[in-house]
PDB file of N, CA and C in Angstrom:
ATOM      1  N   MET A   1       0.865  -1.227  -0.009  1.00  0.00           N
ATOM      2  CA  MET A   1       0.009   0.005   0.003  1.00  0.00           C
ATOM      3  C   MET A   1       0.835   1.196   0.023  1.00  0.00           C
ATOM      4  N   THR A   2       0.413   2.270  -0.617  1.00  0.00           N
ATOM      5  CA  THR A   2       1.131   3.528  -0.708  1.00  0.00           C
ATOM      6  C   THR A   2       0.408   4.595  -0.120  1.00  0.00           C
ATOM      7  N   VAL A   3       0.928   5.813   0.026  1.00  0.00           N
ATOM      8  CA  VAL A   3       0.285   6.922   0.497  1.00  0.00           C
ATOM      9  C   VAL A   3      -0.326   7.721  -0.784  1.00  0.00           C
ATOM     10  N   ALA A   4      -1.576   7.762  -0.797  1.00  0.00           N
ATOM     11  CA  ALA A   4      -2.273   8.391  -1.999  1.00  0.00           C
ATOM     12  C   ALA A   4      -2.474   9.904  -1.760  1.00  0.00           C
ATOM     13  N   THR A   5      -2.415  10.590  -2.781  1.00  0.00           N
ATOM     14  CA  THR A   5      -2.569  12.077  -2.744  1.00  0.00           C
ATOM     15  C   THR A   5      -4.049  12.348  -3.082  1.00  0.00           C
ATOM     16  N   LEU A   6      -4.643  13.166  -2.278  1.00  0.00           N
ATOM     17  CA  LEU A   6      -6.045  13.651  -2.510  1.00  0.00           C
ATOM     18  C   LEU A   6      -6.013  15.142  -2.852  1.00  0.00           C
ATOM     19  N   SER A   7      -7.027  15.552  -3.643  1.00  0.00           N
ATOM     20  CA  SER A   7      -7.166  16.953  -3.911  1.00  0.00           C
ATOM     21  C   SER A   7      -8.635  17.340  -3.482  1.00  0.00           C
ATOM     22  N   GLN A   8      -8.898  18.648  -3.588  1.00  0.00           N
ATOM     23  CA  GLN A   8     -10.142  19.056  -3.207  1.00  0.00           C
ATOM     24  C   GLN A   8     -11.305  18.556  -4.112  1.00  0.00           C
ATOM     25  N   PHE A   9     -10.877  18.065  -5.278  1.00  0.00           N
ATOM     26  CA  PHE A   9     -11.834  17.516  -6.303  1.00  0.00           C
ATOM     27  C   PHE A   9     -12.188  16.040  -6.047  1.00  0.00           C
ATOM     28  N   ASP A  10     -11.319  15.282  -5.361  1.00  0.00           N
ATOM     29  CA  ASP A  10     -11.615  13.907  -5.223  1.00  0.00           C
ATOM     30  C   ASP A  10     -11.614  13.498  -3.739  1.00  0.00           C
ATOM     31  N   PHE A  11     -11.351  14.383  -2.758  1.00  0.00           N
ATOM     32  CA  PHE A  11     -11.177  14.072  -1.360  1.00  0.00           C
ATOM     33  C   PHE A  11     -12.395  13.360  -0.841  1.00  0.00           C
ATOM     34  N   HIS A  12     -13.600  13.941  -0.952  1.00  0.00           N
ATOM     35  CA  HIS A  12     -14.801  13.356  -0.258  1.00  0.00           C
ATOM     36  C   HIS A  12     -15.161  12.027  -0.939  1.00  0.00           C
ATOM     37  N   HIS A  13     -15.112  11.975  -2.248  1.00  0.00           N
ATOM     38  CA  HIS A  13     -15.485  10.813  -2.949  1.00  0.00           C
ATOM     39  C   HIS A  13     -14.481   9.648  -2.645  1.00  0.00           C
ATOM     40  N   ALA A  14     -13.176   9.887  -2.643  1.00  0.00           N
ATOM     41  CA  ALA A  14     -12.232   8.911  -2.375  1.00  0.00           C
ATOM     42  C   ALA A  14     -12.401   8.270  -0.967  1.00  0.00           C
ATOM     43  N   LEU A  15     -12.607   9.207   0.050  1.00  0.00           N
ATOM     44  CA  LEU A  15     -12.808   8.707   1.392  1.00  0.00           C
ATOM     45  C   LEU A  15     -14.081   7.916   1.583  1.00  0.00           C
ATOM     46  N   ALA A  16     -15.113   8.441   0.908  1.00  0.00           N
ATOM     47  CA  ALA A  16     -16.461   7.679   1.040  1.00  0.00           C
ATOM     48  C   ALA A  16     -16.277   6.279   0.458  1.00  0.00           C
ATOM     49  N   ASP A  17     -15.476   6.058  -0.519  1.00  0.00           N
ATOM     50  CA  ASP A  17     -15.359   4.835  -1.133  1.00  0.00           C
ATOM     51  C   ASP A  17     -14.307   3.902  -0.416  1.00  0.00           C
ATOM     52  N   THR A  18     -13.676   4.367   0.616  1.00  0.00           N
ATOM     53  CA  THR A  18     -12.588   3.646   1.361  1.00  0.00           C
ATOM     54  C   THR A  18     -13.085   3.028   2.585  1.00  0.00           C
ATOM     55  N   PRO A  19     -13.252   1.657   2.604  1.00  0.00           N
ATOM     56  CA  PRO A  19     -13.749   1.064   3.852  1.00  0.00           C
ATOM     57  C   PRO A  19     -12.606   0.977   4.859  1.00  0.00           C
ATOM     58  N   GLY A  20     -12.916   0.850   6.142  1.00  0.00           N
ATOM     59  CA  GLY A  20     -11.954   0.699   7.162  1.00  0.00           C
ATOM     60  C   GLY A  20     -11.425   2.054   7.683  1.00  0.00           C
ATOM     61  N   ILE A  21     -10.221   2.039   8.231  1.00  0.00           N
ATOM     62  CA  ILE A  21      -9.576   3.138   8.815  1.00  0.00           C
ATOM     63  C   ILE A  21      -8.643   3.962   7.829  1.00  0.00           C
ATOM     64  N   SER A  22      -8.866   5.231   7.768  1.00  0.00           N
ATOM     65  CA  SER A  22      -8.145   6.110   6.860  1.00  0.00           C
ATOM     66  C   SER A  22      -7.525   7.256   7.755  1.00  0.00           C
ATOM     67  N   LEU A  23      -6.274   7.570   7.393  1.00  0.00           N
ATOM     68  CA  LEU A  23      -5.648   8.724   8.091  1.00  0.00           C
ATOM     69  C   LEU A  23      -5.166   9.647   6.966  1.00  0.00           C
ATOM     70  N   VAL A  24      -5.545  10.906   7.120  1.00  0.00           N
ATOM     71  CA  VAL A  24      -5.250  11.992   6.114  1.00  0.00           C
ATOM     72  C   VAL A  24      -4.312  12.942   6.775  1.00  0.00           C
ATOM     73  N   MET A  25      -3.227  13.271   6.042  1.00  0.00           N
ATOM     74  CA  MET A  25      -2.240  14.289   6.524  1.00  0.00           C
ATOM     75  C   MET A  25      -2.328  15.487   5.561  1.00  0.00           C
ATOM     76  N   PHE A  26      -2.463  16.641   6.218  1.00  0.00           N
ATOM     77  CA  PHE A  26      -2.349  17.900   5.440  1.00  0.00           C
ATOM     78  C   PHE A  26      -0.934  18.409   5.683  1.00  0.00           C
ATOM     79  N   GLY A  27      -0.273  18.770   4.552  1.00  0.00           N
ATOM     80  CA  GLY A  27       1.131  19.215   4.683  1.00  0.00           C
ATOM     81  C   GLY A  27       1.512  19.973   3.491  1.00  0.00           C
ATOM     82  N   THR A  28       2.877  20.421   3.439  1.00  0.00           N
ATOM     83  CA  THR A  28       3.407  21.073   2.328  1.00  0.00           C
ATOM     84  C   THR A  28       4.814  20.556   2.060  1.00  0.00           C
ATOM     85  N   THR A  29       5.273  20.723   0.828  1.00  0.00           N
ATOM     86  CA  THR A  29       6.640  20.149   0.519  1.00  0.00           C
ATOM     87  C   THR A  29       7.703  20.975   1.185  1.00  0.00           C
ATOM     88  N   ASP A  30       7.490  22.194   1.544  1.00  0.00           N
ATOM     89  CA  ASP A  30       8.555  23.005   2.183  1.00  0.00           C
ATOM     90  C   ASP A  30       8.509  22.996   3.765  1.00  0.00           C
ATOM     91  N   CYS A  31       7.678  22.109   4.301  1.00  0.00           N
ATOM     92  CA  CYS A  31       7.601  21.947   5.764  1.00  0.00           C
ATOM     93  C   CYS A  31       8.369  20.769   6.199  1.00  0.00           C
ATOM     94  N   GLY A  32       9.450  20.954   7.031  1.00  0.00           N
ATOM     95  CA  GLY A  32      10.300  19.931   7.517  1.00  0.00           C
ATOM     96  C   GLY A  32       9.484  18.896   8.276  1.00  0.00           C
ATOM     97  N   SER A  33       8.681  19.307   9.216  1.00  0.00           N
ATOM     98  CA  SER A  33       7.848  18.269   9.950  1.00  0.00           C
ATOM     99  C   SER A  33       6.878  17.491   9.043  1.00  0.00           C
ATOM    100  N   CYS A  34       6.450  18.147   8.018  1.00  0.00           N
ATOM    101  CA  CYS A  34       5.527  17.420   7.062  1.00  0.00           C
ATOM    102  C   CYS A  34       6.315  16.393   6.383  1.00  0.00           C
ATOM    103  N   ARG A  35       7.506  16.699   5.910  1.00  0.00           N
ATOM    104  CA  ARG A  35       8.347  15.762   5.169  1.00  0.00           C
ATOM    105  C   ARG A  35       8.728  14.546   6.075  1.00  0.00           C
ATOM    106  N   HIS A  36       8.927  14.786   7.300  1.00  0.00           N
ATOM    107  CA  HIS A  36       9.206  13.733   8.349  1.00  0.00           C
ATOM    108  C   HIS A  36       8.009  12.785   8.442  1.00  0.00           C
ATOM    109  N   LEU A  37       6.821  13.431   8.652  1.00  0.00           N
ATOM    110  CA  LEU A  37       5.559  12.698   8.765  1.00  0.00           C
ATOM    111  C   LEU A  37       5.270  11.892   7.562  1.00  0.00           C
ATOM    112  N   LYS A  38       5.570  12.439   6.389  1.00  0.00           N
ATOM    113  CA  LYS A  38       5.342  11.738   5.111  1.00  0.00           C
ATOM    114  C   LYS A  38       6.269  10.444   5.126  1.00  0.00           C
ATOM    115  N   ARG A  39       7.425  10.467   5.659  1.00  0.00           N
ATOM    116  CA  ARG A  39       8.362   9.380   5.687  1.00  0.00           C
ATOM    117  C   ARG A  39       7.762   8.378   6.677  1.00  0.00           C
ATOM    118  N   VAL A  40       7.173   8.779   7.754  1.00  0.00           N
ATOM    119  CA  VAL A  40       6.597   7.865   8.761  1.00  0.00           C
ATOM    120  C   VAL A  40       5.250   7.220   8.039  1.00  0.00           C
ATOM    121  N   PHE A  41       4.592   7.962   7.367  1.00  0.00           N
ATOM    122  CA  PHE A  41       3.426   7.406   6.647  1.00  0.00           C
ATOM    123  C   PHE A  41       3.853   6.318   5.642  1.00  0.00           C
ATOM    124  N   ALA A  42       4.997   6.526   5.012  1.00  0.00           N
ATOM    125  CA  ALA A  42       5.534   5.505   4.044  1.00  0.00           C
ATOM    126  C   ALA A  42       5.875   4.276   4.886  1.00  0.00           C
ATOM    127  N   GLU A  43       6.508   4.379   6.085  1.00  0.00           N
ATOM    128  CA  GLU A  43       6.776   3.243   6.848  1.00  0.00           C
ATOM    129  C   GLU A  43       5.528   2.492   7.307  1.00  0.00           C
ATOM    130  N   MET A  44       4.515   3.246   7.713  1.00  0.00           N
ATOM    131  CA  MET A  44       3.289   2.701   8.198  1.00  0.00           C
ATOM    132  C   MET A  44       2.553   1.921   7.089  1.00  0.00           C
ATOM    133  N   ALA A  45       2.681   2.520   5.865  1.00  0.00           N
ATOM    134  CA  ALA A  45       2.032   1.757   4.644  1.00  0.00           C
ATOM    135  C   ALA A  45       2.571   0.354   4.526  1.00  0.00           C
ATOM    136  N   VAL A  46       3.871   0.137   4.883  1.00  0.00           N
ATOM    137  CA  VAL A  46       4.452  -1.154   4.729  1.00  0.00           C
ATOM    138  C   VAL A  46       4.082  -1.982   5.973  1.00  0.00           C
ATOM    139  N   LEU A  47       4.105  -1.332   7.193  1.00  0.00           N
ATOM    140  CA  LEU A  47       3.900  -2.123   8.405  1.00  0.00           C
ATOM    141  C   LEU A  47       2.493  -2.484   8.612  1.00  0.00           C
ATOM    142  N   ASP A  48       1.501  -1.634   8.084  1.00  0.00           N
ATOM    143  CA  ASP A  48       0.119  -1.877   8.337  1.00  0.00           C
ATOM    144  C   ASP A  48      -0.702  -1.586   7.062  1.00  0.00           C
ATOM    145  N   PRO A  49      -0.752  -2.635   6.267  1.00  0.00           N
ATOM    146  CA  PRO A  49      -1.402  -2.478   4.951  1.00  0.00           C
ATOM    147  C   PRO A  49      -2.985  -2.299   5.092  1.00  0.00           C
ATOM    148  N   GLN A  50      -3.509  -2.570   6.257  1.00  0.00           N
ATOM    149  CA  GLN A  50      -4.894  -2.406   6.532  1.00  0.00           C
ATOM    150  C   GLN A  50      -5.320  -0.918   6.669  1.00  0.00           C
ATOM    151  N   LEU A  51      -4.397  -0.124   7.051  1.00  0.00           N
ATOM    152  CA  LEU A  51      -4.567   1.353   7.250  1.00  0.00           C
ATOM    153  C   LEU A  51      -4.471   2.100   5.917  1.00  0.00           C
ATOM    154  N   HIS A  52      -5.449   2.856   5.564  1.00  0.00           N
ATOM    155  CA  HIS A  52      -5.379   3.710   4.346  1.00  0.00           C
ATOM    156  C   HIS A  52      -4.793   5.022   4.640  1.00  0.00           C
ATOM    157  N   LEU A  53      -3.703   5.435   3.980  1.00  0.00           N
ATOM    158  CA  LEU A  53      -3.018   6.683   4.218  1.00  0.00           C
ATOM    159  C   LEU A  53      -3.135   7.597   3.099  1.00  0.00           C
ATOM    160  N   PHE A  54      -3.466   8.899   3.413  1.00  0.00           N
ATOM    161  CA  PHE A  54      -3.644   9.839   2.349  1.00  0.00           C
ATOM    162  C   PHE A  54      -2.868  11.129   2.757  1.00  0.00           C
ATOM    163  N   GLU A  55      -2.564  11.883   1.722  1.00  0.00           N
ATOM    164  CA  GLU A  55      -2.033  13.235   1.972  1.00  0.00           C
ATOM    165  C   GLU A  55      -2.751  14.272   1.140  1.00  0.00           C
ATOM    166  N   VAL A  56      -2.689  15.484   1.578  1.00  0.00           N
ATOM    167  CA  VAL A  56      -3.270  16.631   0.937  1.00  0.00           C
ATOM    168  C   VAL A  56      -2.312  17.715   0.936  1.00  0.00           C
ATOM    169  N   ASP A  57      -2.018  18.262  -0.178  1.00  0.00           N
ATOM    170  CA  ASP A  57      -1.072  19.466  -0.348  1.00  0.00           C
ATOM    171  C   ASP A  57      -1.797  20.709   0.138  1.00  0.00           C
ATOM    172  N   ALA A  58      -1.484  21.181   1.309  1.00  0.00           N
ATOM    173  CA  ALA A  58      -2.184  22.366   1.895  1.00  0.00           C
ATOM    174  C   ALA A  58      -1.995  23.612   1.129  1.00  0.00           C
ATOM    175  N   GLN A  59      -0.924  23.747   0.372  1.00  0.00           N
ATOM    176  CA  GLN A  59      -0.723  24.948  -0.397  1.00  0.00           C
ATOM    177  C   GLN A  59      -1.617  24.976  -1.686  1.00  0.00           C
ATOM    178  N   ARG A  60      -1.846  23.766  -2.272  1.00  0.00           N
ATOM    179  CA  ARG A  60      -2.656  23.752  -3.432  1.00  0.00           C
ATOM    180  C   ARG A  60      -4.134  23.637  -3.147  1.00  0.00           C
ATOM    181  N   ASP A  61      -4.521  22.877  -2.131  1.00  0.00           N
ATOM    182  CA  ASP A  61      -5.925  22.593  -1.832  1.00  0.00           C
ATOM    183  C   ASP A  61      -6.478  23.378  -0.666  1.00  0.00           C
ATOM    184  N   THR A  62      -6.481  24.711  -0.916  1.00  0.00           N
ATOM    185  CA  THR A  62      -6.864  25.604   0.227  1.00  0.00           C
ATOM    186  C   THR A  62      -8.297  25.458   0.624  1.00  0.00           C
ATOM    187  N   ALA A  63      -9.122  25.044  -0.302  1.00  0.00           N
ATOM    188  CA  ALA A  63     -10.527  24.781   0.099  1.00  0.00           C
ATOM    189  C   ALA A  63     -10.702  23.755   1.214  1.00  0.00           C
ATOM    190  N   LEU A  64      -9.930  22.672   1.084  1.00  0.00           N
ATOM    191  CA  LEU A  64      -9.918  21.704   2.147  1.00  0.00           C
ATOM    192  C   LEU A  64      -9.296  22.184   3.449  1.00  0.00           C
ATOM    193  N   VAL A  65      -8.260  22.990   3.303  1.00  0.00           N
ATOM    194  CA  VAL A  65      -7.636  23.558   4.446  1.00  0.00           C
ATOM    195  C   VAL A  65      -8.655  24.355   5.235  1.00  0.00           C
ATOM    196  N   ARG A  66      -9.453  25.175   4.515  1.00  0.00           N
ATOM    197  CA  ARG A  66     -10.495  25.971   5.144  1.00  0.00           C
ATOM    198  C   ARG A  66     -11.548  25.054   5.788  1.00  0.00           C
ATOM    199  N   GLU A  67     -11.996  24.171   5.027  1.00  0.00           N
ATOM    200  CA  GLU A  67     -13.056  23.231   5.460  1.00  0.00           C
ATOM    201  C   GLU A  67     -12.648  22.521   6.745  1.00  0.00           C
ATOM    202  N   PHE A  68     -11.462  22.079   6.935  1.00  0.00           N
ATOM    203  CA  PHE A  68     -10.984  21.353   8.068  1.00  0.00           C
ATOM    204  C   PHE A  68     -10.356  22.210   9.137  1.00  0.00           C
ATOM    205  N   GLU A  69     -10.375  23.500   8.858  1.00  0.00           N
ATOM    206  CA  GLU A  69      -9.826  24.504   9.849  1.00  0.00           C
ATOM    207  C   GLU A  69      -8.393  24.224  10.170  1.00  0.00           C
ATOM    208  N   VAL A  70      -7.608  23.876   9.217  1.00  0.00           N
ATOM    209  CA  VAL A  70      -6.181  23.577   9.431  1.00  0.00           C
ATOM    210  C   VAL A  70      -5.360  24.809   9.740  1.00  0.00           C
ATOM    211  N   PHE A  71      -4.750  24.826  10.970  1.00  0.00           N
ATOM    212  CA  PHE A  71      -3.957  26.039  11.309  1.00  0.00           C
ATOM    213  C   PHE A  71      -2.554  25.687  11.430  1.00  0.00           C
ATOM    214  N   HIS A  72      -2.192  24.437  11.696  1.00  0.00           N
ATOM    215  CA  HIS A  72      -0.775  23.947  11.861  1.00  0.00           C
ATOM    216  C   HIS A  72      -0.480  22.830  10.963  1.00  0.00           C
ATOM    217  N   LEU A  73       0.685  22.831  10.477  1.00  0.00           N
ATOM    218  CA  LEU A  73       1.126  21.710   9.639  1.00  0.00           C
ATOM    219  C   LEU A  73       2.246  20.995  10.271  1.00  0.00           C
ATOM    220  N   PRO A  74       2.292  19.693  10.126  1.00  0.00           N
ATOM    221  CA  PRO A  74       1.190  18.882   9.465  1.00  0.00           C
ATOM    222  C   PRO A  74       0.027  18.690  10.447  1.00  0.00           C
ATOM    223  N   SER A  75      -1.089  18.469   9.798  1.00  0.00           N
ATOM    224  CA  SER A  75      -2.294  18.112  10.558  1.00  0.00           C
ATOM    225  C   SER A  75      -2.833  16.842  10.067  1.00  0.00           C
ATOM    226  N   MET A  76      -3.428  16.032  10.961  1.00  0.00           N
ATOM    227  CA  MET A  76      -3.918  14.682  10.604  1.00  0.00           C
ATOM    228  C   MET A  76      -5.397  14.589  11.090  1.00  0.00           C
ATOM    229  N   PHE A  77      -6.164  13.884  10.185  1.00  0.00           N
ATOM    230  CA  PHE A  77      -7.586  13.609  10.532  1.00  0.00           C
ATOM    231  C   PHE A  77      -7.860  12.148  10.278  1.00  0.00           C
ATOM    232  N   LEU A  78      -8.657  11.555  11.183  1.00  0.00           N
ATOM    233  CA  LEU A  78      -8.919  10.138  11.152  1.00  0.00           C
ATOM    234  C   LEU A  78     -10.355   9.917  10.578  1.00  0.00           C
ATOM    235  N   PHE A  79     -10.563   8.978   9.700  1.00  0.00           N
ATOM    236  CA  PHE A  79     -11.756   8.628   9.168  1.00  0.00           C
ATOM    237  C   PHE A  79     -12.018   7.163   9.355  1.00  0.00           C
ATOM    238  N   ARG A  80     -13.276   6.752   9.517  1.00  0.00           N
ATOM    239  CA  ARG A  80     -13.698   5.378   9.753  1.00  0.00           C
ATOM    240  C   ARG A  80     -14.780   5.019   8.691  1.00  0.00           C
ATOM    241  N   ASP A  81     -14.543   4.127   7.806  1.00  0.00           N
ATOM    242  CA  ASP A  81     -15.474   3.754   6.768  1.00  0.00           C
ATOM    243  C   ASP A  81     -16.009   4.954   6.070  1.00  0.00           C
ATOM    244  N   GLY A  82     -15.104   5.821   5.731  1.00  0.00           N
ATOM    245  CA  GLY A  82     -15.415   7.011   4.865  1.00  0.00           C
ATOM    246  C   GLY A  82     -16.071   8.136   5.635  1.00  0.00           C
ATOM    247  N   HIS A  83     -16.272   8.112   6.963  1.00  0.00           N
ATOM    248  CA  HIS A  83     -16.839   9.080   7.715  1.00  0.00           C
ATOM    249  C   HIS A  83     -15.832   9.759   8.670  1.00  0.00           C
ATOM    250  N   PHE A  84     -15.860  10.969   8.780  1.00  0.00           N
ATOM    251  CA  PHE A  84     -14.937  11.750   9.695  1.00  0.00           C
ATOM    252  C   PHE A  84     -15.035  11.128  11.094  1.00  0.00           C
ATOM    253  N   HIS A  85     -13.905  11.025  11.804  1.00  0.00           N
ATOM    254  CA  HIS A  85     -13.941  10.502  13.150  1.00  0.00           C
ATOM    255  C   HIS A  85     -13.475  11.555  14.082  1.00  0.00           C
ATOM    256  N   CYS A  86     -12.287  12.180  13.737  1.00  0.00           N
ATOM    257  CA  CYS A  86     -11.715  13.127  14.624  1.00  0.00           C
ATOM    258  C   CYS A  86     -10.370  13.662  14.102  1.00  0.00           C
ATOM    259  N   PRO A  87      -9.918  14.845  14.544  1.00  0.00           N
ATOM    260  CA  PRO A  87      -8.512  15.177  14.341  1.00  0.00           C
ATOM    261  C   PRO A  87      -7.639  14.250  15.045  1.00  0.00           C
ATOM    262  N   LEU A  88      -6.446  13.979  14.588  1.00  0.00           N
ATOM    263  CA  LEU A  88      -5.510  13.146  15.385  1.00  0.00           C
ATOM    264  C   LEU A  88      -4.275  13.889  15.751  1.00  0.00           C
ATOM    265  N   HIS A  89      -3.947  13.858  16.982  1.00  0.00           N
ATOM    266  CA  HIS A  89      -2.741  14.557  17.504  1.00  0.00           C
ATOM    267  C   HIS A  89      -1.917  13.481  18.132  1.00  0.00           C
ATOM    268  N   SER A  90      -0.669  13.324  17.490  1.00  0.00           N
ATOM    269  CA  SER A  90       0.285  12.255  17.878  1.00  0.00           C
ATOM    270  C   SER A  90       1.650  12.573  17.519  1.00  0.00           C
ATOM    271  N   PRO A  91       2.697  12.021  18.280  1.00  0.00           N
ATOM    272  CA  PRO A  91       3.959  12.173  17.853  1.00  0.00           C
ATOM    273  C   PRO A  91       4.149  11.452  16.507  1.00  0.00           C
ATOM    274  N   ALA A  92       5.130  11.886  15.699  1.00  0.00           N
ATOM    275  CA  ALA A  92       5.305  11.286  14.349  1.00  0.00           C
ATOM    276  C   ALA A  92       6.191  10.039  14.384  1.00  0.00           C
ATOM    277  N   THR A  93       5.770   9.073  14.976  1.00  0.00           N
ATOM    278  CA  THR A  93       6.405   7.666  14.974  1.00  0.00           C
ATOM    279  C   THR A  93       5.375   6.734  14.725  1.00  0.00           C
ATOM    280  N   PRO A  94       5.710   5.587  13.961  1.00  0.00           N
ATOM    281  CA  PRO A  94       4.672   4.527  13.747  1.00  0.00           C
ATOM    282  C   PRO A  94       4.050   3.976  14.979  1.00  0.00           C
ATOM    283  N   ASP A  95       4.779   3.791  16.040  1.00  0.00           N
ATOM    284  CA  ASP A  95       4.202   3.221  17.295  1.00  0.00           C
ATOM    285  C   ASP A  95       3.248   4.268  17.900  1.00  0.00           C
ATOM    286  N   ALA A  96       3.604   5.505  18.037  1.00  0.00           N
ATOM    287  CA  ALA A  96       2.756   6.427  18.661  1.00  0.00           C
ATOM    288  C   ALA A  96       1.555   6.668  17.789  1.00  0.00           C
ATOM    289  N   LEU A  97       1.650   6.693  16.537  1.00  0.00           N
ATOM    290  CA  LEU A  97       0.425   6.856  15.626  1.00  0.00           C
ATOM    291  C   LEU A  97      -0.536   5.720  15.830  1.00  0.00           C
ATOM    292  N   HIS A  98      -0.057   4.487  15.827  1.00  0.00           N
ATOM    293  CA  HIS A  98      -0.872   3.387  16.006  1.00  0.00           C
ATOM    294  C   HIS A  98      -1.644   3.455  17.366  1.00  0.00           C
ATOM    295  N   ARG A  99      -0.871   3.868  18.419  1.00  0.00           N
ATOM    296  CA  ARG A  99      -1.456   3.879  19.741  1.00  0.00           C
ATOM    297  C   ARG A  99      -2.519   5.038  19.788  1.00  0.00           C
ATOM    298  N   HIS A 100      -2.231   6.179  19.209  1.00  0.00           N
ATOM    299  CA  HIS A 100      -3.234   7.238  19.198  1.00  0.00           C
ATOM    300  C   HIS A 100      -4.428   7.001  18.250  1.00  0.00           C
ATOM    301  N   ILE A 101      -4.180   6.216  17.149  1.00  0.00           N
ATOM    302  CA  ILE A 101      -5.363   5.846  16.425  1.00  0.00           C
ATOM    303  C   ILE A 101      -6.287   4.969  17.195  1.00  0.00           C
ATOM    304  N   ALA A 102      -5.750   3.932  17.896  1.00  0.00           N
ATOM    305  CA  ALA A 102      -6.512   3.044  18.710  1.00  0.00           C
ATOM    306  C   ALA A 102      -7.250   3.804  19.771  1.00  0.00           C
ATOM    307  N   LEU A 103      -6.633   4.737  20.458  1.00  0.00           N
ATOM    308  CA  LEU A 103      -7.295   5.508  21.526  1.00  0.00           C
ATOM    309  C   LEU A 103      -8.411   6.346  20.868  1.00  0.00           C
ATOM    310  N   ALA A 104      -8.157   6.954  19.735  1.00  0.00           N
ATOM    311  CA  ALA A 104      -9.156   7.835  19.121  1.00  0.00           C
ATOM    312  C   ALA A 104     -10.382   7.010  18.604  1.00  0.00           C
ATOM    313  N   LEU A 105     -10.140   5.756  18.125  1.00  0.00           N
ATOM    314  CA  LEU A 105     -11.247   4.932  17.606  1.00  0.00           C
ATOM    315  C   LEU A 105     -12.035   4.412  18.770  1.00  0.00           C
ATOM    316  N   ALA A 106     -11.457   4.347  19.980  1.00  0.00           N
ATOM    317  CA  ALA A 106     -12.206   3.791  21.162  1.00  0.00           C
ATOM    318  C   ALA A 106     -13.229   4.867  21.683  1.00  0.00           C
ATOM    319  N   ALA A 107     -13.017   6.073  21.345  1.00  0.00           N
ATOM    320  CA  ALA A 107     -13.804   7.258  21.705  1.00  0.00           C
ATOM    321  C   ALA A 107     -14.934   7.453  20.693  1.00  0.00           C
ATOM    322  N   PRO A 108     -15.992   8.125  20.986  1.00  0.00           N
ATOM    323  CA  PRO A 108     -17.029   8.335  20.051  1.00  0.00           C
ATOM    324  C   PRO A 108     -16.610   9.286  18.959  1.00  0.00           C
ATOM    325  N   ALA A 109     -17.073   9.229  17.781  1.00  0.00           N
ATOM    326  CA  ALA A 109     -16.730  10.064  16.635  1.00  0.00           C
ATOM    327  C   ALA A 109     -17.156  11.469  16.988  1.00  0.00           C
ATOM    328  N   GLN A 110     -16.348  12.430  16.424  1.00  0.00           N
ATOM    329  CA  GLN A 110     -16.695  13.853  16.547  1.00  0.00           C
ATOM    330  C   GLN A 110     -17.450  14.326  15.384  1.00  0.00           C
ATOM    331  N   GLU A 111     -18.020  15.523  15.515  1.00  0.00           N
ATOM    332  CA  GLU A 111     -18.697  16.107  14.386  1.00  0.00           C
ATOM    333  C   GLU A 111     -17.635  16.662  13.387  1.00  0.00           C
ATOM    334  N   ALA A 112     -17.935  16.405  12.121  1.00  0.00           N
ATOM    335  CA  ALA A 112     -17.006  16.883  11.111  1.00  0.00           C
ATOM    336  C   ALA A 112     -16.956  18.428  11.101  1.00  0.00           C
ATOM    337  N   PRO A 113     -15.773  19.020  10.784  1.00  0.00           N
ATOM    338  CA  PRO A 113     -15.684  20.451  10.772  1.00  0.00           C
ATOM    339  C   PRO A 113     -16.490  20.997   9.660  1.00  0.00           C
TER     340      PRO A 113
END
């Protein structure tokens, strides 16, 4: 599994058609923390093929940035069976991300922004 890129034109359709757990990262190419998280996503794609990983270019897809009220990069959002579950705040390591995803999924879903 790889990390798929989403745009404002296919974001909602792609997630609606993706069963299971999806994690979406908003970032930019000139953000060092975003590049690091992108490498962690690549590791996670190999370690956990059941997890669907997506990225959004925050500079290009500003409509999504506004919709999800992204203020800091990178930002992550968790989806379950195509539905928004919550923003995800976690250190950028595979173990920490898995732990925080499990904790977030154990809690009730939040309202989408």
